[in-house]
């Protein structure tokens, strides 16, 4: 039985930041890991979601898990809203610090000169919009969030709620998710945290975070 984990990166990144996380997941789950790269600046969300669908359709695996960091989690959620998405092998999903309810930091950035340009096409579409999103149970989905307020988001406006420096804790809560876990880490550090990697592996393996 073959297992593949696909990592989807966030805004302004390209997937290289996931090398350590993917190595840890590969070791803990005895699986192959891949990174899906997309352009958050030059391509719109619909284009990136279709590209992800095509990428996943070309993977031969008995079990296919998805891990999305920050905006990468939104790309994954949009994939499952596609009526024409390809049939995928069974698996689970973990979101790391994804602002599923919209991003206050992105809204603040969009108000600044050149802010919308910095967000790029996908970022402008996906991040500033405040919305109540619900997971419809396509597969088990777990959310990991951070609560260490160190990050880029604090440079574009004060946060008056618990946050990871970029995303508010409340923005990561997704109705219909199996579990939500808060770790003492910042937004960017979620990808490098050994604890986050172990908890991601636990959920992908069992559909539950470790106690």
N, C-alpha and C. Protein backbone atom coordinates (compact mmCIF):
# COMPACT_ATOMS: atom_id res chain seq x y z
N UNK A 1 0.84 -1.19 0.00
CA UNK A 1 0.00 0.00 0.00
C UNK A 1 0.88 1.24 0.00
N UNK A 2 0.75 2.09 -1.01
CA UNK A 2 1.58 3.28 -1.12
C UNK A 2 0.85 4.50 -0.58
N UNK A 3 1.58 5.34 0.14
CA UNK A 3 1.03 6.57 0.71
C UNK A 3 1.85 7.76 0.24
N UNK A 4 1.16 8.82 -0.17
CA UNK A 4 1.82 10.06 -0.60
C UNK A 4 1.21 11.22 0.16
N UNK A 5 2.07 12.12 0.65
CA UNK A 5 1.64 13.37 1.27
C UNK A 5 2.06 14.52 0.36
N UNK A 6 1.10 15.37 0.01
CA UNK A 6 1.38 16.53 -0.84
C UNK A 6 1.26 17.80 0.00
N UNK A 7 2.31 18.58 -0.01
CA UNK A 7 2.37 19.85 0.72
C UNK A 7 2.05 21.00 -0.25
N UNK A 8 1.22 21.95 0.20
CA UNK A 8 0.86 23.12 -0.61
C UNK A 8 1.27 24.36 0.17
N UNK A 9 2.16 25.16 -0.40
CA UNK A 9 2.76 26.29 0.31
C UNK A 9 1.84 27.50 0.36
N UNK A 10 2.29 28.49 1.12
CA UNK A 10 1.53 29.72 1.30
C UNK A 10 1.99 30.86 0.41
N UNK A 11 1.49 32.04 0.70
CA UNK A 11 1.75 33.25 -0.06
C UNK A 11 3.25 33.57 -0.07
N UNK A 12 3.75 33.95 -1.26
CA UNK A 12 5.13 34.40 -1.48
C UNK A 12 6.16 33.27 -1.35
N UNK A 13 5.74 32.06 -1.13
CA UNK A 13 6.68 30.95 -0.95
C UNK A 13 6.67 30.04 -2.17
N UNK A 14 7.50 28.99 -2.15
CA UNK A 14 7.55 28.08 -3.30
C UNK A 14 7.61 26.61 -2.93
N UNK A 15 7.55 26.32 -1.62
CA UNK A 15 7.58 24.93 -1.18
C UNK A 15 8.90 24.47 -0.62
N UNK A 16 9.98 25.22 -0.89
CA UNK A 16 11.28 24.81 -0.38
C UNK A 16 11.32 24.84 1.14
N UNK A 17 10.49 25.70 1.73
CA UNK A 17 10.47 25.80 3.19
C UNK A 17 9.95 24.53 3.85
N UNK A 18 9.36 23.64 3.05
CA UNK A 18 8.74 22.43 3.61
C UNK A 18 9.68 21.23 3.66
N UNK A 19 10.94 21.41 3.28
CA UNK A 19 11.85 20.26 3.19
C UNK A 19 11.93 19.51 4.52
N UNK A 20 12.11 20.22 5.61
CA UNK A 20 12.23 19.58 6.92
C UNK A 20 10.92 18.91 7.32
N UNK A 21 9.81 19.60 7.12
CA UNK A 21 8.50 19.03 7.45
C UNK A 21 8.25 17.76 6.65
N UNK A 22 8.53 17.81 5.35
CA UNK A 22 8.28 16.64 4.51
C UNK A 22 9.20 15.48 4.88
N UNK A 23 10.43 15.80 5.26
CA UNK A 23 11.34 14.74 5.69
C UNK A 23 10.81 14.07 6.96
N UNK A 24 10.32 14.87 7.88
CA UNK A 24 9.77 14.31 9.12
C UNK A 24 8.52 13.47 8.85
N UNK A 25 7.64 13.96 7.99
CA UNK A 25 6.43 13.20 7.67
C UNK A 25 6.77 11.91 6.95
N UNK A 26 7.75 11.96 6.06
CA UNK A 26 8.16 10.76 5.33
C UNK A 26 8.67 9.70 6.29
N UNK A 27 9.46 10.14 7.27
CA UNK A 27 10.02 9.20 8.23
C UNK A 27 8.94 8.63 9.17
N UNK A 28 8.03 9.49 9.63
CA UNK A 28 7.03 9.05 10.61
C UNK A 28 5.90 8.24 9.98
N UNK A 29 5.59 8.52 8.73
CA UNK A 29 4.49 7.83 8.06
C UNK A 29 4.97 6.77 7.07
N UNK A 30 6.30 6.68 6.86
CA UNK A 30 6.86 5.73 5.89
C UNK A 30 6.21 5.95 4.52
N UNK A 31 6.23 7.19 4.08
CA UNK A 31 5.53 7.56 2.85
C UNK A 31 6.42 8.42 1.98
N UNK A 32 5.94 8.67 0.78
CA UNK A 32 6.59 9.61 -0.13
C UNK A 32 5.95 10.97 0.04
N UNK A 33 6.73 12.04 0.01
CA UNK A 33 6.18 13.38 0.13
C UNK A 33 6.54 14.21 -1.10
N UNK A 34 5.61 15.05 -1.50
CA UNK A 34 5.79 15.93 -2.64
C UNK A 34 5.36 17.34 -2.27
N UNK A 35 5.89 18.32 -2.98
CA UNK A 35 5.48 19.71 -2.79
C UNK A 35 4.87 20.22 -4.09
N UNK A 36 3.69 20.82 -3.98
CA UNK A 36 3.04 21.43 -5.15
C UNK A 36 3.36 22.91 -5.15
N UNK A 37 3.96 23.38 -6.24
CA UNK A 37 4.33 24.78 -6.37
C UNK A 37 3.36 25.50 -7.30
N UNK A 38 3.00 26.70 -6.91
CA UNK A 38 2.10 27.52 -7.72
C UNK A 38 2.50 28.98 -7.56
N UNK A 39 2.00 29.84 -8.42
CA UNK A 39 2.32 31.26 -8.35
C UNK A 39 1.17 32.01 -7.70
N UNK A 40 1.40 32.49 -6.50
CA UNK A 40 0.36 33.26 -5.82
C UNK A 40 0.28 34.68 -6.37
N UNK A 41 1.34 35.14 -7.04
CA UNK A 41 1.38 36.51 -7.54
C UNK A 41 0.82 36.64 -8.95
N UNK A 42 1.21 35.70 -9.84
CA UNK A 42 0.89 35.88 -11.26
C UNK A 42 -0.33 35.10 -11.73
N UNK A 43 -0.80 34.14 -10.94
CA UNK A 43 -1.95 33.34 -11.35
C UNK A 43 -3.11 33.55 -10.37
N UNK A 44 -4.32 33.48 -10.88
CA UNK A 44 -5.46 33.65 -9.99
C UNK A 44 -5.76 32.32 -9.28
N UNK A 45 -6.68 32.39 -8.33
CA UNK A 45 -6.96 31.22 -7.51
C UNK A 45 -7.51 30.07 -8.35
N UNK A 46 -8.41 30.36 -9.26
CA UNK A 46 -9.00 29.30 -10.08
C UNK A 46 -7.93 28.55 -10.87
N UNK A 47 -6.97 29.28 -11.43
CA UNK A 47 -5.89 28.65 -12.19
C UNK A 47 -5.05 27.75 -11.29
N UNK A 48 -4.73 28.24 -10.10
CA UNK A 48 -3.91 27.45 -9.18
C UNK A 48 -4.64 26.22 -8.67
N UNK A 49 -5.92 26.33 -8.46
CA UNK A 49 -6.71 25.18 -8.00
C UNK A 49 -6.77 24.12 -9.10
N UNK A 50 -6.98 24.55 -10.33
CA UNK A 50 -6.99 23.59 -11.45
C UNK A 50 -5.64 22.92 -11.59
N UNK A 51 -4.56 23.69 -11.41
CA UNK A 51 -3.22 23.10 -11.51
C UNK A 51 -3.00 22.07 -10.41
N UNK A 52 -3.50 22.35 -9.20
CA UNK A 52 -3.39 21.37 -8.12
C UNK A 52 -4.17 20.11 -8.45
N UNK A 53 -5.36 20.28 -9.00
CA UNK A 53 -6.17 19.12 -9.37
C UNK A 53 -5.43 18.25 -10.39
N UNK A 54 -4.81 18.88 -11.38
CA UNK A 54 -4.06 18.13 -12.39
C UNK A 54 -2.84 17.44 -11.78
N UNK A 55 -2.17 18.14 -10.87
CA UNK A 55 -1.00 17.58 -10.20
C UNK A 55 -1.38 16.33 -9.41
N UNK A 56 -2.46 16.41 -8.65
CA UNK A 56 -2.89 15.28 -7.83
C UNK A 56 -3.37 14.12 -8.69
N UNK A 57 -4.02 14.45 -9.81
CA UNK A 57 -4.53 13.39 -10.69
C UNK A 57 -3.40 12.54 -11.27
N UNK A 58 -2.21 13.11 -11.33
CA UNK A 58 -1.08 12.38 -11.91
C UNK A 58 -0.30 11.56 -10.90
N UNK A 59 -0.74 11.54 -9.65
CA UNK A 59 -0.02 10.81 -8.61
C UNK A 59 -0.65 9.43 -8.44
N UNK A 60 0.15 8.41 -8.54
CA UNK A 60 -0.35 7.07 -8.29
C UNK A 60 -0.11 6.68 -6.84
N UNK A 61 -1.16 6.54 -6.07
CA UNK A 61 -1.03 6.20 -4.65
C UNK A 61 -2.32 5.54 -4.18
N UNK A 62 -2.19 4.69 -3.17
CA UNK A 62 -3.37 4.10 -2.55
C UNK A 62 -4.01 5.06 -1.55
N UNK A 63 -3.15 5.87 -0.90
CA UNK A 63 -3.60 6.88 0.06
C UNK A 63 -2.93 8.19 -0.27
N UNK A 64 -3.71 9.26 -0.33
CA UNK A 64 -3.19 10.57 -0.71
C UNK A 64 -3.62 11.61 0.33
N UNK A 65 -2.65 12.09 1.12
CA UNK A 65 -2.91 13.11 2.13
C UNK A 65 -2.50 14.48 1.61
N UNK A 66 -3.14 15.53 2.14
CA UNK A 66 -2.82 16.91 1.76
C UNK A 66 -2.52 17.72 3.01
N UNK A 67 -1.45 18.52 2.94
CA UNK A 67 -1.07 19.43 4.02
C UNK A 67 -0.90 20.81 3.42
N UNK A 68 -1.62 21.79 3.93
CA UNK A 68 -1.53 23.14 3.41
C UNK A 68 -1.13 24.13 4.48
N UNK A 69 -0.12 24.95 4.18
CA UNK A 69 0.30 26.00 5.11
C UNK A 69 -0.24 27.33 4.64
N UNK A 70 -0.87 28.06 5.55
CA UNK A 70 -1.36 29.41 5.29
C UNK A 70 -2.30 29.41 4.07
N UNK A 71 -1.99 30.21 3.03
CA UNK A 71 -2.89 30.26 1.88
C UNK A 71 -2.94 28.94 1.13
N UNK A 72 -1.92 28.11 1.29
CA UNK A 72 -1.98 26.78 0.67
C UNK A 72 -3.17 25.99 1.14
N UNK A 73 -3.58 26.19 2.39
CA UNK A 73 -4.77 25.52 2.88
C UNK A 73 -6.03 25.98 2.16
N UNK A 74 -6.05 27.26 1.77
CA UNK A 74 -7.21 27.77 1.04
C UNK A 74 -7.27 27.19 -0.37
N UNK A 75 -6.11 26.98 -0.97
CA UNK A 75 -6.07 26.34 -2.29
C UNK A 75 -6.66 24.93 -2.18
N UNK A 76 -6.31 24.22 -1.11
CA UNK A 76 -6.85 22.87 -0.92
C UNK A 76 -8.36 22.92 -0.72
N UNK A 77 -8.83 23.85 0.10
CA UNK A 77 -10.28 23.94 0.33
C UNK A 77 -11.03 24.25 -0.96
N UNK A 78 -10.47 25.14 -1.78
CA UNK A 78 -11.11 25.47 -3.05
C UNK A 78 -11.13 24.26 -3.98
N UNK A 79 -10.11 23.42 -3.89
CA UNK A 79 -10.08 22.21 -4.72
C UNK A 79 -11.32 21.35 -4.47
N UNK A 80 -11.69 21.19 -3.21
CA UNK A 80 -12.81 20.32 -2.89
C UNK A 80 -14.15 20.98 -3.18
N UNK A 81 -14.14 22.26 -3.52
CA UNK A 81 -15.37 22.92 -3.96
C UNK A 81 -15.56 22.81 -5.47
N UNK A 82 -14.55 22.30 -6.18
CA UNK A 82 -14.65 22.14 -7.63
C UNK A 82 -15.64 21.03 -7.97
N UNK A 83 -16.57 21.32 -8.84
CA UNK A 83 -17.48 20.28 -9.29
C UNK A 83 -16.76 19.28 -10.20
N UNK A 84 -15.72 19.74 -10.87
CA UNK A 84 -15.01 18.89 -11.83
C UNK A 84 -13.70 18.35 -11.28
N UNK A 85 -13.52 18.34 -9.95
CA UNK A 85 -12.26 17.84 -9.41
C UNK A 85 -12.12 16.36 -9.72
N UNK A 86 -10.89 15.90 -9.93
CA UNK A 86 -10.69 14.49 -10.27
C UNK A 86 -10.96 13.60 -9.06
N UNK A 87 -11.36 12.36 -9.30
CA UNK A 87 -11.49 11.42 -8.18
C UNK A 87 -10.11 11.17 -7.59
N UNK A 88 -10.01 11.27 -6.27
CA UNK A 88 -8.72 11.13 -5.59
C UNK A 88 -8.72 9.91 -4.68
N UNK A 89 -7.56 9.32 -4.45
CA UNK A 89 -7.48 8.23 -3.47
C UNK A 89 -7.89 8.74 -2.09
N UNK A 90 -8.30 7.86 -1.21
CA UNK A 90 -8.67 8.30 0.14
C UNK A 90 -7.47 8.88 0.88
N UNK A 91 -7.76 9.72 1.85
CA UNK A 91 -6.70 10.33 2.64
C UNK A 91 -7.28 11.39 3.55
N UNK A 92 -6.40 12.15 4.20
CA UNK A 92 -6.82 13.17 5.14
C UNK A 92 -6.16 14.50 4.81
N UNK A 93 -6.61 15.56 5.49
CA UNK A 93 -6.11 16.91 5.24
C UNK A 93 -5.73 17.55 6.57
N UNK A 94 -4.58 18.23 6.59
CA UNK A 94 -4.20 19.06 7.72
C UNK A 94 -3.88 20.46 7.21
N UNK A 95 -4.47 21.47 7.85
CA UNK A 95 -4.20 22.86 7.54
C UNK A 95 -3.32 23.45 8.64
N UNK A 96 -2.27 24.15 8.25
CA UNK A 96 -1.34 24.77 9.20
C UNK A 96 -1.47 26.29 9.10
N UNK A 97 -2.12 26.90 10.08
CA UNK A 97 -2.22 28.35 10.12
C UNK A 97 -2.95 28.97 8.95
N UNK A 98 -3.92 28.27 8.39
CA UNK A 98 -4.65 28.79 7.23
C UNK A 98 -5.78 29.72 7.67
N UNK A 99 -5.84 30.94 7.13
CA UNK A 99 -6.90 31.89 7.50
C UNK A 99 -8.20 31.58 6.76
N UNK A 100 -8.87 30.52 7.17
CA UNK A 100 -10.05 30.05 6.44
C UNK A 100 -11.21 31.03 6.53
N UNK A 101 -11.19 31.92 7.52
CA UNK A 101 -12.26 32.91 7.67
C UNK A 101 -11.91 34.26 7.06
N UNK A 102 -10.78 34.30 6.33
CA UNK A 102 -10.30 35.57 5.81
C UNK A 102 -9.18 36.10 6.69
N UNK A 103 -8.43 37.07 6.19
CA UNK A 103 -7.24 37.55 6.88
C UNK A 103 -7.30 39.05 7.15
N UNK A 104 -7.30 39.41 8.43
CA UNK A 104 -7.24 40.82 8.80
C UNK A 104 -5.95 41.44 8.32
N UNK A 105 -4.84 40.71 8.43
CA UNK A 105 -3.56 41.23 7.97
C UNK A 105 -3.60 41.56 6.48
N UNK A 106 -4.23 40.69 5.69
CA UNK A 106 -4.34 40.93 4.25
C UNK A 106 -5.22 42.13 3.96
N UNK A 107 -6.29 42.30 4.72
CA UNK A 107 -7.16 43.46 4.52
C UNK A 107 -6.40 44.74 4.84
N UNK A 108 -5.61 44.71 5.91
CA UNK A 108 -4.81 45.89 6.25
C UNK A 108 -3.76 46.17 5.18
N UNK A 109 -3.12 45.13 4.69
CA UNK A 109 -2.10 45.31 3.65
C UNK A 109 -2.72 45.85 2.37
N UNK A 110 -3.91 45.39 2.03
CA UNK A 110 -4.56 45.82 0.78
C UNK A 110 -4.89 47.31 0.80
N UNK A 111 -4.98 47.90 1.97
CA UNK A 111 -5.29 49.33 2.07
C UNK A 111 -4.05 50.21 1.87
N UNK A 112 -2.88 49.61 1.93
CA UNK A 112 -1.64 50.38 1.80
C UNK A 112 -1.26 50.55 0.33
N UNK A 113 -0.47 51.59 0.02
CA UNK A 113 0.01 51.73 -1.36
C UNK A 113 0.77 50.47 -1.79
N UNK A 114 0.45 49.97 -2.96
CA UNK A 114 1.04 48.77 -3.53
C UNK A 114 0.71 47.50 -2.75
N UNK A 115 -0.18 47.60 -1.75
CA UNK A 115 -0.53 46.44 -0.96
C UNK A 115 -1.20 45.35 -1.77
N UNK A 116 -2.13 45.74 -2.64
CA UNK A 116 -2.82 44.74 -3.45
C UNK A 116 -1.85 44.06 -4.41
N UNK A 117 -0.90 44.84 -4.92
CA UNK A 117 0.09 44.24 -5.82
C UNK A 117 0.94 43.22 -5.07
N UNK A 118 1.29 43.52 -3.83
CA UNK A 118 2.07 42.58 -3.03
C UNK A 118 1.30 41.29 -2.77
N UNK A 119 0.00 41.39 -2.60
CA UNK A 119 -0.80 40.19 -2.36
C UNK A 119 -0.87 39.30 -3.58
N UNK A 120 -0.71 39.87 -4.76
CA UNK A 120 -0.78 39.07 -5.98
C UNK A 120 -2.21 38.70 -6.34
N UNK A 121 -2.38 38.05 -7.47
CA UNK A 121 -3.72 37.73 -7.95
C UNK A 121 -4.46 36.78 -6.99
N UNK A 122 -3.82 35.69 -6.63
CA UNK A 122 -4.48 34.73 -5.74
C UNK A 122 -4.70 35.31 -4.36
N UNK A 123 -3.69 36.02 -3.85
CA UNK A 123 -3.83 36.61 -2.53
C UNK A 123 -4.95 37.61 -2.45
N UNK A 124 -5.11 38.44 -3.48
CA UNK A 124 -6.19 39.43 -3.48
C UNK A 124 -7.56 38.76 -3.47
N UNK A 125 -7.66 37.64 -4.15
CA UNK A 125 -8.94 36.94 -4.22
C UNK A 125 -9.27 36.19 -2.93
N UNK A 126 -8.26 35.55 -2.34
CA UNK A 126 -8.54 34.58 -1.28
C UNK A 126 -8.42 35.13 0.13
N UNK A 127 -7.53 36.10 0.35
CA UNK A 127 -7.18 36.45 1.72
C UNK A 127 -7.99 37.58 2.35
N UNK A 128 -8.22 38.70 1.67
CA UNK A 128 -8.90 39.81 2.37
C UNK A 128 -10.37 39.55 2.68
N UNK A 129 -10.99 38.65 1.96
CA UNK A 129 -12.44 38.46 2.08
C UNK A 129 -12.77 37.75 3.39
N UNK A 130 -13.58 38.40 4.21
CA UNK A 130 -14.06 37.78 5.44
C UNK A 130 -15.24 36.89 5.11
N UNK A 131 -15.16 35.62 5.50
CA UNK A 131 -16.22 34.68 5.14
C UNK A 131 -16.36 33.59 6.19
N UNK A 132 -17.52 33.01 6.25
CA UNK A 132 -17.75 31.87 7.12
C UNK A 132 -17.74 30.62 6.26
N UNK A 133 -16.64 29.92 6.29
CA UNK A 133 -16.46 28.74 5.46
C UNK A 133 -16.80 27.49 6.27
N UNK A 134 -17.31 26.48 5.61
CA UNK A 134 -17.63 25.22 6.29
C UNK A 134 -17.08 24.05 5.48
N UNK A 135 -16.40 23.14 6.18
CA UNK A 135 -15.90 21.92 5.55
C UNK A 135 -17.04 20.92 5.48
N UNK A 136 -17.25 20.37 4.30
CA UNK A 136 -18.41 19.50 4.09
C UNK A 136 -18.09 18.01 4.23
N UNK A 137 -16.98 17.72 4.88
CA UNK A 137 -16.69 16.35 5.26
C UNK A 137 -16.26 15.44 4.14
N UNK A 138 -15.59 16.01 3.12
CA UNK A 138 -15.11 15.17 2.02
C UNK A 138 -14.13 14.11 2.54
N UNK A 139 -13.36 14.47 3.55
CA UNK A 139 -12.41 13.57 4.21
C UNK A 139 -12.07 14.20 5.55
N UNK A 140 -11.46 13.43 6.46
CA UNK A 140 -11.10 13.97 7.77
C UNK A 140 -10.15 15.16 7.59
N UNK A 141 -10.45 16.24 8.31
CA UNK A 141 -9.63 17.44 8.21
C UNK A 141 -9.31 17.96 9.61
N UNK A 142 -8.04 18.21 9.87
CA UNK A 142 -7.60 18.78 11.13
C UNK A 142 -6.90 20.12 10.90
N UNK A 143 -7.02 21.00 11.88
CA UNK A 143 -6.43 22.33 11.80
C UNK A 143 -5.42 22.52 12.93
N UNK A 144 -4.22 22.98 12.59
CA UNK A 144 -3.22 23.35 13.59
C UNK A 144 -2.97 24.85 13.46
N UNK A 145 -3.05 25.54 14.58
CA UNK A 145 -2.82 26.99 14.62
C UNK A 145 -1.74 27.31 15.63
N UNK A 146 -1.16 28.50 15.53
CA UNK A 146 -0.15 28.95 16.47
C UNK A 146 -0.65 30.12 17.29
N UNK A 147 0.02 30.37 18.43
CA UNK A 147 -0.39 31.49 19.27
C UNK A 147 0.78 32.36 19.73
N UNK A 148 1.93 32.26 19.02
CA UNK A 148 3.07 33.13 19.32
C UNK A 148 3.01 34.33 18.37
N UNK A 149 2.75 35.54 18.89
CA UNK A 149 2.47 36.69 18.02
C UNK A 149 3.71 37.34 17.45
N UNK A 150 4.45 36.60 16.64
CA UNK A 150 5.63 37.13 15.97
C UNK A 150 5.51 36.86 14.48
N UNK A 151 5.43 37.94 13.69
CA UNK A 151 5.32 37.72 12.26
C UNK A 151 4.99 38.98 11.49
N UNK A 152 4.90 38.81 10.17
CA UNK A 152 4.70 39.93 9.25
C UNK A 152 3.41 40.69 9.52
N UNK A 153 2.37 39.97 9.91
CA UNK A 153 1.06 40.60 10.06
C UNK A 153 1.05 41.75 11.04
N UNK A 154 1.89 41.69 12.04
CA UNK A 154 1.92 42.74 13.04
C UNK A 154 2.50 44.05 12.50
N UNK A 155 3.14 43.99 11.34
CA UNK A 155 3.70 45.19 10.74
C UNK A 155 2.65 46.01 10.01
N UNK A 156 1.51 45.41 9.70
CA UNK A 156 0.49 46.12 8.92
C UNK A 156 -0.74 46.45 9.76
N UNK A 157 -0.63 46.36 11.06
CA UNK A 157 -1.75 46.75 11.90
C UNK A 157 -1.76 45.98 13.20
N UNK A 158 -2.26 46.57 14.26
CA UNK A 158 -2.28 45.88 15.56
C UNK A 158 -3.31 44.76 15.57
N UNK A 159 -2.97 43.67 16.25
CA UNK A 159 -3.89 42.57 16.48
C UNK A 159 -4.33 42.64 17.95
N UNK A 160 -5.61 42.61 18.18
CA UNK A 160 -6.14 42.69 19.55
C UNK A 160 -6.71 41.35 20.01
N UNK A 161 -6.46 40.31 19.23
CA UNK A 161 -6.91 38.96 19.57
C UNK A 161 -5.71 38.02 19.51
N UNK A 162 -5.83 36.83 20.12
CA UNK A 162 -4.74 35.85 20.02
C UNK A 162 -4.40 35.57 18.56
N UNK A 163 -3.10 35.48 18.26
CA UNK A 163 -2.66 35.34 16.87
C UNK A 163 -1.28 34.71 16.82
N UNK A 164 -0.88 34.34 15.61
CA UNK A 164 0.45 33.73 15.42
C UNK A 164 1.44 34.69 14.77
N UNK A 165 1.10 35.99 14.81
CA UNK A 165 1.94 36.99 14.19
C UNK A 165 1.51 37.36 12.79
N UNK A 166 0.68 36.53 12.18
CA UNK A 166 0.18 36.79 10.83
C UNK A 166 -1.32 36.54 10.74
N UNK A 167 -1.78 35.48 11.37
CA UNK A 167 -3.17 35.06 11.29
C UNK A 167 -3.79 35.02 12.69
N UNK A 168 -5.00 35.57 12.82
CA UNK A 168 -5.70 35.48 14.10
C UNK A 168 -6.10 34.04 14.36
N UNK A 169 -6.06 33.64 15.61
CA UNK A 169 -6.47 32.29 15.97
C UNK A 169 -7.90 32.02 15.51
N UNK A 170 -8.77 33.01 15.67
CA UNK A 170 -10.17 32.85 15.28
C UNK A 170 -10.32 32.63 13.78
N UNK A 171 -9.37 33.17 12.99
CA UNK A 171 -9.45 33.04 11.54
C UNK A 171 -9.13 31.62 11.06
N UNK A 172 -8.55 30.81 11.93
CA UNK A 172 -8.18 29.43 11.53
C UNK A 172 -9.28 28.43 11.84
N UNK A 173 -10.33 28.84 12.51
CA UNK A 173 -11.36 27.89 12.93
C UNK A 173 -12.32 27.58 11.77
N UNK A 174 -12.46 26.30 11.50
CA UNK A 174 -13.24 25.86 10.35
C UNK A 174 -14.37 24.95 10.81
N UNK A 175 -15.58 25.39 10.61
CA UNK A 175 -16.74 24.56 10.95
C UNK A 175 -16.70 23.28 10.13
N UNK A 176 -16.97 22.17 10.79
CA UNK A 176 -16.95 20.88 10.11
C UNK A 176 -15.63 20.15 10.18
N UNK A 177 -14.57 20.83 10.66
CA UNK A 177 -13.28 20.16 10.82
C UNK A 177 -13.37 19.15 11.96
N UNK A 178 -12.60 18.09 11.86
CA UNK A 178 -12.63 17.06 12.89
C UNK A 178 -12.02 17.57 14.19
N UNK A 179 -10.92 18.33 14.10
CA UNK A 179 -10.24 18.82 15.29
C UNK A 179 -9.52 20.13 14.99
N UNK A 180 -9.35 20.94 16.04
CA UNK A 180 -8.55 22.16 15.97
C UNK A 180 -7.56 22.11 17.11
N UNK A 181 -6.27 22.32 16.81
CA UNK A 181 -5.21 22.23 17.80
C UNK A 181 -4.39 23.51 17.77
N UNK A 182 -4.14 24.09 18.94
CA UNK A 182 -3.31 25.28 19.04
C UNK A 182 -1.96 24.92 19.65
N UNK A 183 -0.87 25.28 18.97
CA UNK A 183 0.47 25.04 19.44
C UNK A 183 1.16 26.37 19.75
N UNK A 184 2.13 26.32 20.65
CA UNK A 184 2.84 27.54 21.04
C UNK A 184 3.96 27.79 20.02
N UNK A 185 3.57 28.35 18.90
CA UNK A 185 4.52 28.64 17.82
C UNK A 185 3.97 29.78 16.97
N UNK A 186 4.82 30.34 16.15
CA UNK A 186 4.39 31.43 15.27
C UNK A 186 3.94 30.88 13.92
N UNK A 187 3.45 31.77 13.08
CA UNK A 187 2.91 31.36 11.78
C UNK A 187 3.96 30.67 10.92
N UNK A 188 5.08 31.32 10.71
CA UNK A 188 6.12 30.74 9.86
C UNK A 188 6.72 29.49 10.48
N UNK A 189 6.83 29.47 11.82
CA UNK A 189 7.47 28.35 12.49
C UNK A 189 6.63 27.08 12.47
N UNK A 190 5.37 27.18 12.11
CA UNK A 190 4.54 25.97 12.02
C UNK A 190 5.15 24.95 11.07
N UNK A 191 5.81 25.42 10.03
CA UNK A 191 6.38 24.53 9.04
C UNK A 191 7.65 23.84 9.56
N UNK A 192 8.33 24.49 10.52
CA UNK A 192 9.61 23.97 11.01
C UNK A 192 9.49 23.27 12.36
N UNK A 193 8.36 23.39 13.01
CA UNK A 193 8.17 22.84 14.34
C UNK A 193 8.12 21.32 14.34
N UNK A 194 8.94 20.70 15.18
CA UNK A 194 8.89 19.25 15.31
C UNK A 194 7.57 18.78 15.90
N UNK A 195 7.02 19.56 16.83
CA UNK A 195 5.73 19.20 17.44
C UNK A 195 4.63 19.26 16.38
N UNK A 196 4.63 20.31 15.55
CA UNK A 196 3.63 20.41 14.49
C UNK A 196 3.74 19.25 13.52
N UNK A 197 4.96 18.83 13.21
CA UNK A 197 5.16 17.70 12.31
C UNK A 197 4.61 16.42 12.92
N UNK A 198 4.89 16.19 14.21
CA UNK A 198 4.39 14.98 14.87
C UNK A 198 2.87 14.97 14.93
N UNK A 199 2.28 16.12 15.21
CA UNK A 199 0.82 16.18 15.29
C UNK A 199 0.19 16.04 13.90
N UNK A 200 0.84 16.59 12.89
CA UNK A 200 0.36 16.41 11.52
C UNK A 200 0.39 14.94 11.14
N UNK A 201 1.50 14.27 11.45
CA UNK A 201 1.62 12.84 11.14
C UNK A 201 0.57 12.03 11.89
N UNK A 202 0.33 12.38 13.15
CA UNK A 202 -0.67 11.65 13.95
C UNK A 202 -2.05 11.77 13.33
N UNK A 203 -2.39 12.98 12.90
CA UNK A 203 -3.73 13.15 12.31
C UNK A 203 -3.84 12.45 10.98
N UNK A 204 -2.82 12.54 10.15
CA UNK A 204 -2.87 11.87 8.85
C UNK A 204 -2.96 10.34 9.01
N UNK A 205 -2.33 9.85 10.07
CA UNK A 205 -2.35 8.40 10.32
C UNK A 205 -3.67 7.93 10.92
N UNK A 206 -4.18 8.68 11.91
CA UNK A 206 -5.30 8.19 12.71
C UNK A 206 -6.58 9.01 12.64
N UNK A 207 -6.50 10.19 12.02
CA UNK A 207 -7.67 11.06 12.00
C UNK A 207 -7.88 11.79 13.31
N UNK A 208 -6.87 11.77 14.19
CA UNK A 208 -6.91 12.46 15.48
C UNK A 208 -5.52 12.96 15.80
N UNK A 209 -5.45 14.13 16.45
CA UNK A 209 -4.17 14.60 16.96
C UNK A 209 -3.79 13.78 18.18
N UNK A 210 -2.50 13.71 18.45
CA UNK A 210 -2.02 12.95 19.60
C UNK A 210 -2.38 13.67 20.89
N UNK A 211 -2.65 12.92 21.94
CA UNK A 211 -2.98 13.50 23.25
C UNK A 211 -1.74 14.07 23.90
